[in-house]
Amino acid sequence: MTSRAMLEWANRTGVGWHYIDPGKPQQNGFVESFNGKFRDECLTEEVFTTLAEARAVISRWRHDYNHVRPHSVHGGLAPETVRLNHAAGRLRDVNSCAPRPLPPEPKISYEAYGLPL
């Protein structure tokens, strides 16, 4: 049923649908990398007793991953920083530029975002 809903959505929105060849996860390396990080850093580190707890823990991890944590692909900036400051996300010639320094260690307060501890 999920597959049918996805195909109907793709047809309705005009999004191209491309299958990954069986046994070739490297054809979608970005999601494979993310899934590995999510599994290793969040799912295997926690024991969830309720669905609400799982949602809260995953929400905190997702917020940290997208808003706080530096990503090497963005030159040590968090994805949200790059999104808000498009100039910071411009590609640069790595052979002619010094790498950007890592941002200072942020003080994280999940309560400011309405996320439970």
C-alpha atoms as a PDB file:
ATOM      1  CA  MET A   1       0.000   0.000   0.000  1.00  0.00           C
ATOM      2  CA  THR A   2       2.849   2.385   0.755  1.00  0.00           C
ATOM      3  CA  SER A   3       4.455   1.677  -2.584  1.00  0.00           C
ATOM      4  CA  ARG A   4       1.228   2.419  -4.432  1.00  0.00           C
ATOM      5  CA  ALA A   5       0.803   5.694  -2.512  1.00  0.00           C
ATOM      6  CA  MET A   6       4.375   6.729  -3.358  1.00  0.00           C
ATOM      7  CA  LEU A   7       3.906   5.932  -7.053  1.00  0.00           C
ATOM      8  CA  GLU A   8       0.610   7.833  -7.156  1.00  0.00           C
ATOM      9  CA  TRP A   9       2.265  10.826  -5.446  1.00  0.00           C
ATOM     10  CA  ALA A  10       5.204  10.718  -7.892  1.00  0.00           C
ATOM     11  CA  ASN A  11       2.810  10.637 -10.853  1.00  0.00           C
ATOM     12  CA  ARG A  12       0.684  13.446  -9.425  1.00  0.00           C
ATOM     13  CA  THR A  13       3.638  15.748  -8.680  1.00  0.00           C
ATOM     14  CA  GLY A  14       5.742  14.874 -11.711  1.00  0.00           C
ATOM     15  CA  VAL A  15       8.676  13.638  -9.636  1.00  0.00           C
ATOM     16  CA  GLY A  16      10.852  11.161 -11.512  1.00  0.00           C
ATOM     17  CA  TRP A  17      10.946   7.674 -10.017  1.00  0.00           C
ATOM     18  CA  HIS A  18      14.224   5.789 -10.233  1.00  0.00           C
ATOM     19  CA  TYR A  19      14.808   2.383  -8.731  1.00  0.00           C
ATOM     20  CA  ILE A  20      18.069   1.353  -7.123  1.00  0.00           C
ATOM     21  CA  ASP A  21      19.431  -1.839  -8.631  1.00  0.00           C
ATOM     22  CA  PRO A  22      19.237  -4.818  -6.258  1.00  0.00           C
ATOM     23  CA  GLY A  23      22.477  -5.209  -4.308  1.00  0.00           C
ATOM     24  CA  LYS A  24      23.699  -1.693  -5.248  1.00  0.00           C
ATOM     25  CA  PRO A  25      23.148   0.551  -2.189  1.00  0.00           C
ATOM     26  CA  GLN A  26      26.044   2.735  -3.343  1.00  0.00           C
ATOM     27  CA  GLN A  27      23.696   4.157  -5.987  1.00  0.00           C
ATOM     28  CA  ASN A  28      22.105   6.130  -3.171  1.00  0.00           C
ATOM     29  CA  GLY A  29      25.135   6.889  -1.022  1.00  0.00           C
ATOM     30  CA  PHE A  30      23.700   9.982   0.659  1.00  0.00           C
ATOM     31  CA  VAL A  31      20.784   8.175   2.247  1.00  0.00           C
ATOM     32  CA  GLU A  32      22.951   5.154   3.074  1.00  0.00           C
ATOM     33  CA  SER A  33      25.349   7.440   4.925  1.00  0.00           C
ATOM     34  CA  PHE A  34      22.530   9.173   6.790  1.00  0.00           C
ATOM     35  CA  ASN A  35      20.846   5.888   7.698  1.00  0.00           C
ATOM     36  CA  GLY A  36      24.123   4.572   9.097  1.00  0.00           C
ATOM     37  CA  LYS A  37      24.666   7.676  11.239  1.00  0.00           C
ATOM     38  CA  PHE A  38      21.074   7.653  12.453  1.00  0.00           C
ATOM     39  CA  ARG A  39      21.261   3.969  13.358  1.00  0.00           C
ATOM     40  CA  ASP A  40      24.697   4.186  15.033  1.00  0.00           C
ATOM     41  CA  GLU A  41      24.259   7.497  16.874  1.00  0.00           C
ATOM     42  CA  CYS A  42      20.602   7.368  17.845  1.00  0.00           C
ATOM     43  CA  LEU A  43      18.769   4.085  17.468  1.00  0.00           C
ATOM     44  CA  THR A  44      21.417   1.740  18.892  1.00  0.00           C
ATOM     45  CA  GLU A  45      22.209   4.134  21.762  1.00  0.00           C
ATOM     46  CA  GLU A  46      18.661   4.282  23.138  1.00  0.00           C
ATOM     47  CA  VAL A  47      16.082   1.911  24.532  1.00  0.00           C
ATOM     48  CA  PHE A  48      12.610   3.259  23.866  1.00  0.00           C
ATOM     49  CA  THR A  49       9.831   2.301  26.257  1.00  0.00           C
ATOM     50  CA  THR A  50       7.050   4.286  24.598  1.00  0.00           C
ATOM     51  CA  LEU A  51       6.322   5.746  21.205  1.00  0.00           C
ATOM     52  CA  ALA A  52       6.265   9.244  22.727  1.00  0.00           C
ATOM     53  CA  GLU A  53       9.757   8.715  24.152  1.00  0.00           C
ATOM     54  CA  ALA A  54      11.039   7.486  20.781  1.00  0.00           C
ATOM     55  CA  ARG A  55       9.568  10.541  19.071  1.00  0.00           C
ATOM     56  CA  ALA A  56      11.156  12.893  21.613  1.00  0.00           C
ATOM     57  CA  VAL A  57      14.613  11.290  21.408  1.00  0.00           C
ATOM     58  CA  ILE A  58      14.556  11.156  17.607  1.00  0.00           C
ATOM     59  CA  SER A  59      13.344  14.761  17.441  1.00  0.00           C
ATOM     60  CA  ARG A  60      16.271  15.895  19.629  1.00  0.00           C
ATOM     61  CA  TRP A  61      18.724  13.904  17.495  1.00  0.00           C
ATOM     62  CA  ARG A  62      17.281  15.331  14.278  1.00  0.00           C
ATOM     63  CA  HIS A  63      17.483  18.870  15.649  1.00  0.00           C
ATOM     64  CA  ASP A  64      21.105  18.349  16.691  1.00  0.00           C
ATOM     65  CA  TYR A  65      21.980  16.797  13.310  1.00  0.00           C
ATOM     66  CA  ASN A  66      20.420  19.641  11.292  1.00  0.00           C
ATOM     67  CA  HIS A  67      20.984  22.719  13.491  1.00  0.00           C
ATOM     68  CA  VAL A  68      24.020  22.165  15.699  1.00  0.00           C
ATOM     69  CA  ARG A  69      26.361  19.517  14.403  1.00  0.00           C
ATOM     70  CA  PRO A  70      29.027  20.569  11.891  1.00  0.00           C
ATOM     71  CA  HIS A  71      29.066  18.683   8.588  1.00  0.00           C
ATOM     72  CA  SER A  72      32.294  18.327   6.642  1.00  0.00           C
ATOM     73  CA  VAL A  73      30.464  18.722   3.335  1.00  0.00           C
ATOM     74  CA  HIS A  74      29.490  22.243   4.470  1.00  0.00           C
ATOM     75  CA  GLY A  75      32.982  23.200   5.562  1.00  0.00           C
ATOM     76  CA  GLY A  76      32.292  22.583   9.234  1.00  0.00           C
ATOM     77  CA  LEU A  77      28.939  24.375   9.318  1.00  0.00           C
ATOM     78  CA  ALA A  78      25.582  22.953  10.306  1.00  0.00           C
ATOM     79  CA  PRO A  79      23.059  22.471   7.458  1.00  0.00           C
ATOM     80  CA  GLU A  80      20.691  25.050   8.966  1.00  0.00           C
ATOM     81  CA  THR A  81      23.487  27.626   9.067  1.00  0.00           C
ATOM     82  CA  VAL A  82      24.178  27.010   5.393  1.00  0.00           C
ATOM     83  CA  ARG A  83      20.485  27.246   4.563  1.00  0.00           C
ATOM     84  CA  LEU A  84      20.107  30.552   6.412  1.00  0.00           C
ATOM     85  CA  ASN A  85      23.352  32.011   5.091  1.00  0.00           C
ATOM     86  CA  HIS A  86      23.458  30.929   1.471  1.00  0.00           C
ATOM     87  CA  ALA A  87      26.811  32.654   0.940  1.00  0.00           C
ATOM     88  CA  ALA A  88      28.379  30.353   3.543  1.00  0.00           C
ATOM     89  CA  GLY A  89      27.287  27.348   1.524  1.00  0.00           C
ATOM     90  CA  ARG A  90      28.847  28.414  -1.782  1.00  0.00           C
ATOM     91  CA  LEU A  91      31.295  25.972  -3.236  1.00  0.00           C
ATOM     92  CA  ARG A  92      34.914  27.001  -3.108  1.00  0.00           C
ATOM     93  CA  ASP A  93      38.086  25.872  -4.773  1.00  0.00           C
ATOM     94  CA  VAL A  94      39.667  23.691  -2.100  1.00  0.00           C
ATOM     95  CA  ASN A  95      43.079  23.995  -3.768  1.00  0.00           C
ATOM     96  CA  SER A  96      43.244  27.762  -3.443  1.00  0.00           C
ATOM     97  CA  CYS A  97      41.497  28.355  -0.100  1.00  0.00           C
ATOM     98  CA  ALA A  98      42.342  27.538   3.459  1.00  0.00           C
ATOM     99  CA  PRO A  99      39.688  25.378   5.106  1.00  0.00           C
ATOM    100  CA  ARG A 100      37.140  27.155   7.245  1.00  0.00           C
ATOM    101  CA  PRO A 101      37.726  26.782  10.976  1.00  0.00           C
ATOM    102  CA  LEU A 102      35.187  24.769  12.917  1.00  0.00           C
ATOM    103  CA  PRO A 103      32.592  26.891  14.681  1.00  0.00           C
ATOM    104  CA  PRO A 104      32.873  27.176  18.458  1.00  0.00           C
ATOM    105  CA  GLU A 105      31.212  24.484  20.551  1.00  0.00           C
ATOM    106  CA  PRO A 106      27.565  25.568  20.837  1.00  0.00           C
ATOM    107  CA  LYS A 107      25.604  25.610  24.063  1.00  0.00           C
ATOM    108  CA  ILE A 108      22.625  23.383  23.356  1.00  0.00           C
ATOM    109  CA  SER A 109      19.281  24.039  25.020  1.00  0.00           C
ATOM    110  CA  TYR A 110      16.649  21.737  23.632  1.00  0.00           C
ATOM    111  CA  GLU A 111      14.007  23.317  25.853  1.00  0.00           C
ATOM    112  CA  ALA A 112      14.242  26.515  23.784  1.00  0.00           C
ATOM    113  CA  TYR A 113      12.881  24.512  20.842  1.00  0.00           C
ATOM    114  CA  GLY A 114      10.100  22.929  22.870  1.00  0.00           C
ATOM    115  CA  LEU A 115      11.802  19.548  22.892  1.00  0.00           C
ATOM    116  CA  PRO A 116      11.693  17.517  26.115  1.00  0.00           C
ATOM    117  CA  LEU A 117      14.905  16.335  27.737  1.00  0.00           C
END
